[in-house]
Amino acid sequence: MLAGELLALGVAAGFLAGLLGIGGGMLLVPFLTFILGQRGVDASLAVKMAIATSGATILFTSLSSLLAHQRHGAVRWELVVRFAPGILAGGIAAGAGVLALVKGRWLALVFAACNIVISWRMLRGARTEAGRTLPGTPALLGAGAGIGFLSGLLGAGGAFLSVPFMSWCGVPLRQAVGTSAALGFPIAVASTLGYLVGGRNQPPALPGALGFLYLPAVAAIAAASVTLAPLGARVAHRMPVERLRRTFALLLMALAGYMAWKGLA
């Protein structure tokens, strides 16, 4: 039963990774929190394990999504290069130190708050101001550090921040989605290294757990998600931009509600 749940979760995460440029973390963390809790893992630890496990699966999902978007010419590599150093620094800092120190309740509430703010902005249809462009490299390094830090803290691929940011700065939405898929890989590398360091003294909560990482879930979700990401990318390049924006926003809003309830409960 567990294997089936994890494979189904991987299918959904992979499709959404391709469709929306996300690593799948915004979907995976709430469901993994539920699955781990049902197997007797303490609620606070379940949130941390869900975040770390989700972040590790993005190593595989983001590569599949990236290749699919690259085939459509939607990845802005010059932006990936400018964002990446800050992303690596922020992701390592979050995974190696902050995740282990912060209570699971607050992680769940921060996750929910970020999703609510971003989804509300996207549902309102915030538009780029005339003439707005991306800032210079130093500012993008700082933005990358913030994206990497929050993504590492929440087990996400970063698209919940990078897609709205790039879209606000004048990058066409499909290019923002494709570039965010590429940014998911350095975020996942940095975060996973951080999770391994931060959870090195954590006793296994379940068979197959390595610190904060639940390896059976990483394997099952990764195997399923990489096969579905190309399909999601094909749909993204055929879907009207406004429908893509609303889909992204409504997904974030729904998952924010679950994690807020989990944190408060």
C-alpha atoms as a PDB file:
ATOM      1  CA  MET A   1       0.000   0.000   0.000  1.00  0.00           C
ATOM      2  CA  LEU A   2       2.810   2.416   0.892  1.00  0.00           C
ATOM      3  CA  ALA A   3       4.601   1.786  -2.402  1.00  0.00           C
ATOM      4  CA  GLY A   4       1.387   2.499  -4.326  1.00  0.00           C
ATOM      5  CA  GLU A   5       0.811   5.758  -2.453  1.00  0.00           C
ATOM      6  CA  LEU A   6       4.372   6.911  -3.118  1.00  0.00           C
ATOM      7  CA  LEU A   7       4.236   6.002  -6.816  1.00  0.00           C
ATOM      8  CA  ALA A   8       0.920   7.857  -7.249  1.00  0.00           C
ATOM      9  CA  LEU A   9       2.428  10.854  -5.481  1.00  0.00           C
ATOM     10  CA  GLY A  10       5.439  10.694  -7.804  1.00  0.00           C
ATOM     11  CA  VAL A  11       3.204  10.621 -10.881  1.00  0.00           C
ATOM     12  CA  ALA A  12       1.346  13.737  -9.725  1.00  0.00           C
ATOM     13  CA  ALA A  13       4.556  15.529  -8.699  1.00  0.00           C
ATOM     14  CA  GLY A  14       6.268  14.759 -12.003  1.00  0.00           C
ATOM     15  CA  PHE A  15       3.350  15.989 -14.078  1.00  0.00           C
ATOM     16  CA  LEU A  16       3.114  19.221 -12.086  1.00  0.00           C
ATOM     17  CA  ALA A  17       6.891  19.675 -12.266  1.00  0.00           C
ATOM     18  CA  GLY A  18       6.669  19.698 -16.037  1.00  0.00           C
ATOM     19  CA  LEU A  19       3.457  21.714 -16.152  1.00  0.00           C
ATOM     20  CA  LEU A  20       4.426  24.453 -13.714  1.00  0.00           C
ATOM     21  CA  GLY A  21       8.212  24.283 -13.479  1.00  0.00           C
ATOM     22  CA  ILE A  22       7.994  23.280  -9.823  1.00  0.00           C
ATOM     23  CA  GLY A  23      10.129  20.544  -8.303  1.00  0.00           C
ATOM     24  CA  GLY A  24       6.989  19.039  -6.794  1.00  0.00           C
ATOM     25  CA  GLY A  25       7.754  20.011  -3.204  1.00  0.00           C
ATOM     26  CA  MET A  26       4.647  22.098  -2.754  1.00  0.00           C
ATOM     27  CA  LEU A  27       2.623  18.966  -3.486  1.00  0.00           C
ATOM     28  CA  LEU A  28       4.916  16.409  -1.877  1.00  0.00           C
ATOM     29  CA  VAL A  29       5.450  17.994   1.546  1.00  0.00           C
ATOM     30  CA  PRO A  30       1.781  17.996   2.651  1.00  0.00           C
ATOM     31  CA  PHE A  31       1.152  14.448   1.417  1.00  0.00           C
ATOM     32  CA  LEU A  32       4.408  13.040   2.788  1.00  0.00           C
ATOM     33  CA  THR A  33       3.659  14.686   6.135  1.00  0.00           C
ATOM     34  CA  PHE A  34       0.336  12.843   6.156  1.00  0.00           C
ATOM     35  CA  ILE A  35       1.834   9.506   5.051  1.00  0.00           C
ATOM     36  CA  LEU A  36       4.645   9.602   7.620  1.00  0.00           C
ATOM     37  CA  GLY A  37       2.243  10.649  10.372  1.00  0.00           C
ATOM     38  CA  GLN A  38       0.007   7.688   9.557  1.00  0.00           C
ATOM     39  CA  ARG A  39       3.002   5.426  10.138  1.00  0.00           C
ATOM     40  CA  GLY A  40       3.622   6.681  13.625  1.00  0.00           C
ATOM     41  CA  VAL A  41       6.270   9.358  13.033  1.00  0.00           C
ATOM     42  CA  ASP A  42       5.966  12.249  15.490  1.00  0.00           C
ATOM     43  CA  ALA A  43       4.210  15.181  13.820  1.00  0.00           C
ATOM     44  CA  SER A  44       7.096  17.637  14.202  1.00  0.00           C
ATOM     45  CA  LEU A  45       9.635  15.130  12.830  1.00  0.00           C
ATOM     46  CA  ALA A  46       7.227  14.093  10.056  1.00  0.00           C
ATOM     47  CA  VAL A  47       7.203  17.649   8.701  1.00  0.00           C
ATOM     48  CA  LYS A  48      11.014  17.795   8.682  1.00  0.00           C
ATOM     49  CA  MET A  49      11.317  14.367   7.051  1.00  0.00           C
ATOM     50  CA  ALA A  50       8.714  15.323   4.446  1.00  0.00           C
ATOM     51  CA  ILE A  51      10.626  18.506   3.625  1.00  0.00           C
ATOM     52  CA  ALA A  52      13.994  16.740   3.338  1.00  0.00           C
ATOM     53  CA  THR A  53      12.603  13.801   1.353  1.00  0.00           C
ATOM     54  CA  SER A  54      10.773  16.130  -0.997  1.00  0.00           C
ATOM     55  CA  GLY A  55      13.913  18.185  -1.539  1.00  0.00           C
ATOM     56  CA  ALA A  56      15.907  15.069  -2.435  1.00  0.00           C
ATOM     57  CA  THR A  57      13.357  13.879  -5.023  1.00  0.00           C
ATOM     58  CA  ILE A  58      13.689  17.228  -6.802  1.00  0.00           C
ATOM     59  CA  LEU A  59      17.204  16.162  -7.850  1.00  0.00           C
ATOM     60  CA  PHE A  60      15.541  13.753 -10.286  1.00  0.00           C
ATOM     61  CA  THR A  61      12.279  15.525 -11.086  1.00  0.00           C
ATOM     62  CA  SER A  62      13.951  18.826 -11.935  1.00  0.00           C
ATOM     63  CA  LEU A  63      16.335  17.170 -14.411  1.00  0.00           C
ATOM     64  CA  SER A  64      13.475  15.513 -16.254  1.00  0.00           C
ATOM     65  CA  SER A  65      11.437  18.728 -16.266  1.00  0.00           C
ATOM     66  CA  LEU A  66      14.465  20.787 -17.320  1.00  0.00           C
ATOM     67  CA  LEU A  67      15.187  18.580 -20.342  1.00  0.00           C
ATOM     68  CA  ALA A  68      11.549  18.731 -21.411  1.00  0.00           C
ATOM     69  CA  HIS A  69      11.420  22.547 -21.225  1.00  0.00           C
ATOM     70  CA  GLN A  70      14.803  22.854 -22.950  1.00  0.00           C
ATOM     71  CA  ARG A  71      13.374  20.999 -25.942  1.00  0.00           C
ATOM     72  CA  HIS A  72      10.810  23.794 -26.184  1.00  0.00           C
ATOM     73  CA  GLY A  73      13.533  26.469 -25.930  1.00  0.00           C
ATOM     74  CA  ALA A  74      12.045  27.849 -22.721  1.00  0.00           C
ATOM     75  CA  VAL A  75      15.132  27.827 -20.443  1.00  0.00           C
ATOM     76  CA  ARG A  76      16.998  31.139 -20.029  1.00  0.00           C
ATOM     77  CA  TRP A  77      20.466  29.779 -19.225  1.00  0.00           C
ATOM     78  CA  GLU A  78      21.997  33.216 -18.692  1.00  0.00           C
ATOM     79  CA  LEU A  79      19.563  33.685 -15.808  1.00  0.00           C
ATOM     80  CA  VAL A  80      20.299  30.226 -14.389  1.00  0.00           C
ATOM     81  CA  VAL A  81      24.004  31.104 -14.224  1.00  0.00           C
ATOM     82  CA  ARG A  82      23.308  34.409 -12.466  1.00  0.00           C
ATOM     83  CA  PHE A  83      20.916  32.910  -9.916  1.00  0.00           C
ATOM     84  CA  ALA A  84      22.817  29.680  -9.169  1.00  0.00           C
ATOM     85  CA  PRO A  85      25.632  30.807  -6.778  1.00  0.00           C
ATOM     86  CA  GLY A  86      23.180  32.489  -4.419  1.00  0.00           C
ATOM     87  CA  ILE A  87      20.803  29.528  -4.640  1.00  0.00           C
ATOM     88  CA  LEU A  88      23.558  27.087  -3.651  1.00  0.00           C
ATOM     89  CA  ALA A  89      24.564  29.179  -0.641  1.00  0.00           C
ATOM     90  CA  GLY A  90      20.997  29.665   0.566  1.00  0.00           C
ATOM     91  CA  GLY A  91      20.010  26.024   0.109  1.00  0.00           C
ATOM     92  CA  ILE A  92      22.996  24.668   2.025  1.00  0.00           C
ATOM     93  CA  ALA A  93      22.425  27.120   4.887  1.00  0.00           C
ATOM     94  CA  ALA A  94      18.767  26.106   5.202  1.00  0.00           C
ATOM     95  CA  GLY A  95      19.285  22.349   5.007  1.00  0.00           C
ATOM     96  CA  ALA A  96      22.429  22.109   7.117  1.00  0.00           C
ATOM     97  CA  GLY A  97      21.418  24.337   9.993  1.00  0.00           C
ATOM     98  CA  VAL A  98      18.019  25.963  10.135  1.00  0.00           C
ATOM     99  CA  LEU A  99      15.846  22.929   9.314  1.00  0.00           C
ATOM    100  CA  ALA A 100      17.239  20.977  12.272  1.00  0.00           C
ATOM    101  CA  LEU A 101      16.725  23.890  14.675  1.00  0.00           C
ATOM    102  CA  VAL A 102      13.219  25.108  13.774  1.00  0.00           C
ATOM    103  CA  LYS A 103      10.159  23.300  15.172  1.00  0.00           C
ATOM    104  CA  GLY A 104       8.024  21.400  12.680  1.00  0.00           C
ATOM    105  CA  ARG A 105       4.960  23.452  13.639  1.00  0.00           C
ATOM    106  CA  TRP A 106       6.630  26.687  12.516  1.00  0.00           C
ATOM    107  CA  LEU A 107       7.933  25.108   9.328  1.00  0.00           C
ATOM    108  CA  ALA A 108       4.381  24.088   8.427  1.00  0.00           C
ATOM    109  CA  LEU A 109       3.041  27.576   9.135  1.00  0.00           C
ATOM    110  CA  VAL A 110       5.831  29.292   7.163  1.00  0.00           C
ATOM    111  CA  PHE A 111       5.122  26.918   4.272  1.00  0.00           C
ATOM    112  CA  ALA A 112       1.436  27.837   4.382  1.00  0.00           C
ATOM    113  CA  ALA A 113       2.043  31.581   4.679  1.00  0.00           C
ATOM    114  CA  CYS A 114       4.399  31.645   1.680  1.00  0.00           C
ATOM    115  CA  ASN A 115       1.897  29.765  -0.459  1.00  0.00           C
ATOM    116  CA  ILE A 116      -1.027  31.987   0.534  1.00  0.00           C
ATOM    117  CA  VAL A 117       0.788  35.239  -0.281  1.00  0.00           C
ATOM    118  CA  ILE A 118       2.129  34.034  -3.610  1.00  0.00           C
ATOM    119  CA  SER A 119      -1.083  32.356  -4.762  1.00  0.00           C
ATOM    120  CA  TRP A 120      -3.124  35.442  -3.864  1.00  0.00           C
ATOM    121  CA  ARG A 121      -0.812  37.652  -5.940  1.00  0.00           C
ATOM    122  CA  MET A 122      -1.108  35.306  -8.896  1.00  0.00           C
ATOM    123  CA  LEU A 123      -4.912  35.009  -8.616  1.00  0.00           C
ATOM    124  CA  ARG A 124      -5.148  38.796  -8.607  1.00  0.00           C
ATOM    125  CA  GLY A 125      -3.310  38.691 -11.906  1.00  0.00           C
ATOM    126  CA  ALA A 126      -0.458  40.997 -10.928  1.00  0.00           C
ATOM    127  CA  ARG A 127       1.021  42.458 -14.087  1.00  0.00           C
ATOM    128  CA  THR A 128       4.497  43.571 -14.969  1.00  0.00           C
ATOM    129  CA  GLU A 129       4.923  47.336 -14.825  1.00  0.00           C
ATOM    130  CA  ALA A 130       5.829  48.943 -18.115  1.00  0.00           C
ATOM    131  CA  GLY A 131       9.567  48.838 -18.696  1.00  0.00           C
ATOM    132  CA  ARG A 132      10.326  46.593 -15.710  1.00  0.00           C
ATOM    133  CA  THR A 133      13.328  44.330 -16.284  1.00  0.00           C
ATOM    134  CA  LEU A 134      15.417  41.935 -14.259  1.00  0.00           C
ATOM    135  CA  PRO A 135      17.960  43.596 -11.929  1.00  0.00           C
ATOM    136  CA  GLY A 136      21.745  43.233 -12.221  1.00  0.00           C
ATOM    137  CA  THR A 137      23.816  40.222 -11.212  1.00  0.00           C
ATOM    138  CA  PRO A 138      24.436  41.274  -7.560  1.00  0.00           C
ATOM    139  CA  ALA A 139      20.693  41.622  -6.982  1.00  0.00           C
ATOM    140  CA  LEU A 140      20.017  38.277  -8.680  1.00  0.00           C
ATOM    141  CA  LEU A 141      22.630  36.642  -6.437  1.00  0.00           C
ATOM    142  CA  GLY A 142      20.766  38.025  -3.423  1.00  0.00           C
ATOM    143  CA  ALA A 143      17.409  36.930  -4.838  1.00  0.00           C
ATOM    144  CA  GLY A 144      18.890  33.498  -5.539  1.00  0.00           C
ATOM    145  CA  ALA A 145      20.116  33.208  -1.941  1.00  0.00           C
ATOM    146  CA  GLY A 146      16.631  34.004  -0.661  1.00  0.00           C
ATOM    147  CA  ILE A 147      14.992  31.560  -3.075  1.00  0.00           C
ATOM    148  CA  GLY A 148      17.512  28.832  -2.193  1.00  0.00           C
ATOM    149  CA  PHE A 149      17.119  29.402   1.548  1.00  0.00           C
ATOM    150  CA  LEU A 150      13.316  29.317   1.591  1.00  0.00           C
ATOM    151  CA  SER A 151      13.218  26.400  -0.848  1.00  0.00           C
ATOM    152  CA  GLY A 152      15.648  24.408   1.282  1.00  0.00           C
ATOM    153  CA  LEU A 153      13.641  25.235   4.379  1.00  0.00           C
ATOM    154  CA  LEU A 154      10.412  24.069   2.739  1.00  0.00           C
ATOM    155  CA  GLY A 155      11.618  21.164   0.573  1.00  0.00           C
ATOM    156  CA  ALA A 156      10.539  22.936  -2.600  1.00  0.00           C
ATOM    157  CA  GLY A 157      12.084  23.417  -6.026  1.00  0.00           C
ATOM    158  CA  GLY A 158      11.837  27.198  -5.765  1.00  0.00           C
ATOM    159  CA  ALA A 159       9.300  27.863  -8.520  1.00  0.00           C
ATOM    160  CA  PHE A 160       6.799  29.226  -5.985  1.00  0.00           C
ATOM    161  CA  LEU A 161       9.234  32.149  -5.633  1.00  0.00           C
ATOM    162  CA  SER A 162      11.232  32.230  -8.860  1.00  0.00           C
ATOM    163  CA  VAL A 163       8.268  32.041 -11.274  1.00  0.00           C
ATOM    164  CA  PRO A 164       6.430  35.046  -9.749  1.00  0.00           C
ATOM    165  CA  PHE A 165       9.706  36.975  -9.369  1.00  0.00           C
ATOM    166  CA  MET A 166      10.795  36.493 -12.983  1.00  0.00           C
ATOM    167  CA  SER A 167       7.282  37.093 -14.293  1.00  0.00           C
ATOM    168  CA  TRP A 168       7.086  40.341 -12.266  1.00  0.00           C
ATOM    169  CA  CYS A 169      10.410  41.405 -13.802  1.00  0.00           C
ATOM    170  CA  GLY A 170       9.173  40.983 -17.356  1.00  0.00           C
ATOM    171  CA  VAL A 171      10.215  37.396 -18.191  1.00  0.00           C
ATOM    172  CA  PRO A 172       7.434  35.709 -20.230  1.00  0.00           C
ATOM    173  CA  LEU A 173       5.595  33.153 -18.096  1.00  0.00           C
ATOM    174  CA  ARG A 174       6.557  30.088 -20.132  1.00  0.00           C
ATOM    175  CA  GLN A 175      10.230  31.108 -19.982  1.00  0.00           C
ATOM    176  CA  ALA A 176       9.893  31.753 -16.250  1.00  0.00           C
ATOM    177  CA  VAL A 177       8.455  28.243 -15.790  1.00  0.00           C
ATOM    178  CA  GLY A 178      11.206  26.626 -17.896  1.00  0.00           C
ATOM    179  CA  THR A 179      13.993  28.568 -16.175  1.00  0.00           C
ATOM    180  CA  SER A 180      12.559  27.699 -12.760  1.00  0.00           C
ATOM    181  CA  ALA A 181      12.695  24.027 -13.722  1.00  0.00           C
ATOM    182  CA  ALA A 182      16.417  24.464 -14.389  1.00  0.00           C
ATOM    183  CA  LEU A 183      16.927  26.292 -11.086  1.00  0.00           C
ATOM    184  CA  GLY A 184      15.320  23.384  -9.240  1.00  0.00           C
ATOM    185  CA  PHE A 185      18.425  21.229  -9.731  1.00  0.00           C
ATOM    186  CA  PRO A 186      20.992  23.445  -7.923  1.00  0.00           C
ATOM    187  CA  ILE A 187      18.383  24.066  -5.226  1.00  0.00           C
ATOM    188  CA  ALA A 188      17.967  20.300  -4.749  1.00  0.00           C
ATOM    189  CA  VAL A 189      21.736  19.657  -4.738  1.00  0.00           C
ATOM    190  CA  ALA A 190      22.380  22.309  -2.097  1.00  0.00           C
ATOM    191  CA  SER A 191      19.380  21.380   0.039  1.00  0.00           C
ATOM    192  CA  THR A 192      20.066  17.635  -0.018  1.00  0.00           C
ATOM    193  CA  LEU A 193      23.673  18.182   1.065  1.00  0.00           C
ATOM    194  CA  GLY A 194      22.337  20.356   3.850  1.00  0.00           C
ATOM    195  CA  TYR A 195      19.736  17.777   4.930  1.00  0.00           C
ATOM    196  CA  LEU A 196      22.412  15.067   5.139  1.00  0.00           C
ATOM    197  CA  VAL A 197      24.584  17.279   7.327  1.00  0.00           C
ATOM    198  CA  GLY A 198      21.718  18.591   9.457  1.00  0.00           C
ATOM    199  CA  GLY A 199      20.192  15.151  10.077  1.00  0.00           C
ATOM    200  CA  ARG A 200      23.394  13.182  10.631  1.00  0.00           C
ATOM    201  CA  ASN A 201      22.600  12.673  14.343  1.00  0.00           C
ATOM    202  CA  GLN A 202      18.886  11.937  13.876  1.00  0.00           C
ATOM    203  CA  PRO A 203      17.995   8.307  14.811  1.00  0.00           C
ATOM    204  CA  PRO A 204      16.026   6.502  12.039  1.00  0.00           C
ATOM    205  CA  ALA A 205      12.311   7.114  12.556  1.00  0.00           C
ATOM    206  CA  LEU A 206      11.367   4.308  10.131  1.00  0.00           C
ATOM    207  CA  PRO A 207      13.220   1.485   8.376  1.00  0.00           C
ATOM    208  CA  GLY A 208      14.978   3.039   5.398  1.00  0.00           C
ATOM    209  CA  ALA A 209      15.329   6.475   6.957  1.00  0.00           C
ATOM    210  CA  LEU A 210      18.701   8.236   6.783  1.00  0.00           C
ATOM    211  CA  GLY A 211      18.571  11.201   9.131  1.00  0.00           C
ATOM    212  CA  PHE A 212      15.762  13.389   7.799  1.00  0.00           C
ATOM    213  CA  LEU A 213      15.624  11.523   4.461  1.00  0.00           C
ATOM    214  CA  TYR A 214      13.161   8.662   3.935  1.00  0.00           C
ATOM    215  CA  LEU A 215      14.976   6.776   1.170  1.00  0.00           C
ATOM    216  CA  PRO A 216      12.118   4.435   0.027  1.00  0.00           C
ATOM    217  CA  ALA A 217      10.002   7.524  -0.691  1.00  0.00           C
ATOM    218  CA  VAL A 218      12.870   9.221  -2.553  1.00  0.00           C
ATOM    219  CA  ALA A 219      13.301   6.148  -4.786  1.00  0.00           C
ATOM    220  CA  ALA A 220       9.598   5.548  -5.514  1.00  0.00           C
ATOM    221  CA  ILE A 221       8.676   9.178  -6.106  1.00  0.00           C
ATOM    222  CA  ALA A 222      11.737   9.847  -8.269  1.00  0.00           C
ATOM    223  CA  ALA A 223      11.075   6.786 -10.454  1.00  0.00           C
ATOM    224  CA  ALA A 224       7.474   7.811 -11.106  1.00  0.00           C
ATOM    225  CA  SER A 225       7.991  11.556 -11.404  1.00  0.00           C
ATOM    226  CA  VAL A 226      10.717  11.541 -14.052  1.00  0.00           C
ATOM    227  CA  THR A 227       8.436   9.678 -16.448  1.00  0.00           C
ATOM    228  CA  LEU A 228       5.590  12.199 -16.146  1.00  0.00           C
ATOM    229  CA  ALA A 229       7.510  15.500 -16.212  1.00  0.00           C
ATOM    230  CA  PRO A 230       7.860  15.534 -20.039  1.00  0.00           C
ATOM    231  CA  LEU A 231       4.082  15.118 -20.417  1.00  0.00           C
ATOM    232  CA  GLY A 232       3.473  18.046 -18.062  1.00  0.00           C
ATOM    233  CA  ALA A 233       5.889  20.212 -20.051  1.00  0.00           C
ATOM    234  CA  ARG A 234       4.088  19.418 -23.306  1.00  0.00           C
ATOM    235  CA  VAL A 235       0.760  20.415 -21.756  1.00  0.00           C
ATOM    236  CA  ALA A 236       2.297  23.644 -20.380  1.00  0.00           C
ATOM    237  CA  HIS A 237       3.366  24.757 -23.857  1.00  0.00           C
ATOM    238  CA  ARG A 238      -0.142  24.197 -25.221  1.00  0.00           C
ATOM    239  CA  MET A 239      -2.133  25.666 -22.334  1.00  0.00           C
ATOM    240  CA  PRO A 240      -3.187  29.374 -22.418  1.00  0.00           C
ATOM    241  CA  VAL A 241      -0.926  31.456 -20.164  1.00  0.00           C
ATOM    242  CA  GLU A 242      -3.726  32.764 -17.917  1.00  0.00           C
ATOM    243  CA  ARG A 243      -5.057  29.257 -17.302  1.00  0.00           C
ATOM    244  CA  LEU A 244      -1.518  28.160 -16.423  1.00  0.00           C
ATOM    245  CA  ARG A 245      -1.235  31.049 -13.965  1.00  0.00           C
ATOM    246  CA  ARG A 246      -4.586  30.244 -12.290  1.00  0.00           C
ATOM    247  CA  THR A 247      -3.752  26.538 -12.056  1.00  0.00           C
ATOM    248  CA  PHE A 248      -0.506  27.352 -10.292  1.00  0.00           C
ATOM    249  CA  ALA A 249      -2.183  29.759  -7.886  1.00  0.00           C
ATOM    250  CA  LEU A 250      -5.082  27.470  -6.956  1.00  0.00           C
ATOM    251  CA  LEU A 251      -2.742  24.548  -6.329  1.00  0.00           C
ATOM    252  CA  LEU A 252      -0.648  26.647  -3.948  1.00  0.00           C
ATOM    253  CA  MET A 253      -3.730  27.940  -2.132  1.00  0.00           C
ATOM    254  CA  ALA A 254      -5.121  24.449  -1.526  1.00  0.00           C
ATOM    255  CA  LEU A 255      -1.854  23.084  -0.176  1.00  0.00           C
ATOM    256  CA  ALA A 256      -1.384  26.153   2.015  1.00  0.00           C
ATOM    257  CA  GLY A 257      -4.697  25.387   3.691  1.00  0.00           C
ATOM    258  CA  TYR A 258      -3.647  21.846   4.541  1.00  0.00           C
ATOM    259  CA  MET A 259      -0.269  22.857   5.966  1.00  0.00           C
ATOM    260  CA  ALA A 260      -1.800  25.691   7.995  1.00  0.00           C
ATOM    261  CA  TRP A 261      -4.238  23.219   9.520  1.00  0.00           C
ATOM    262  CA  LYS A 262      -1.364  20.802  10.215  1.00  0.00           C
ATOM    263  CA  GLY A 263       0.722  23.481  11.900  1.00  0.00           C
ATOM    264  CA  LEU A 264      -2.123  24.781  14.048  1.00  0.00           C
ATOM    265  CA  ALA A 265      -3.253  21.270  14.987  1.00  0.00           C
END
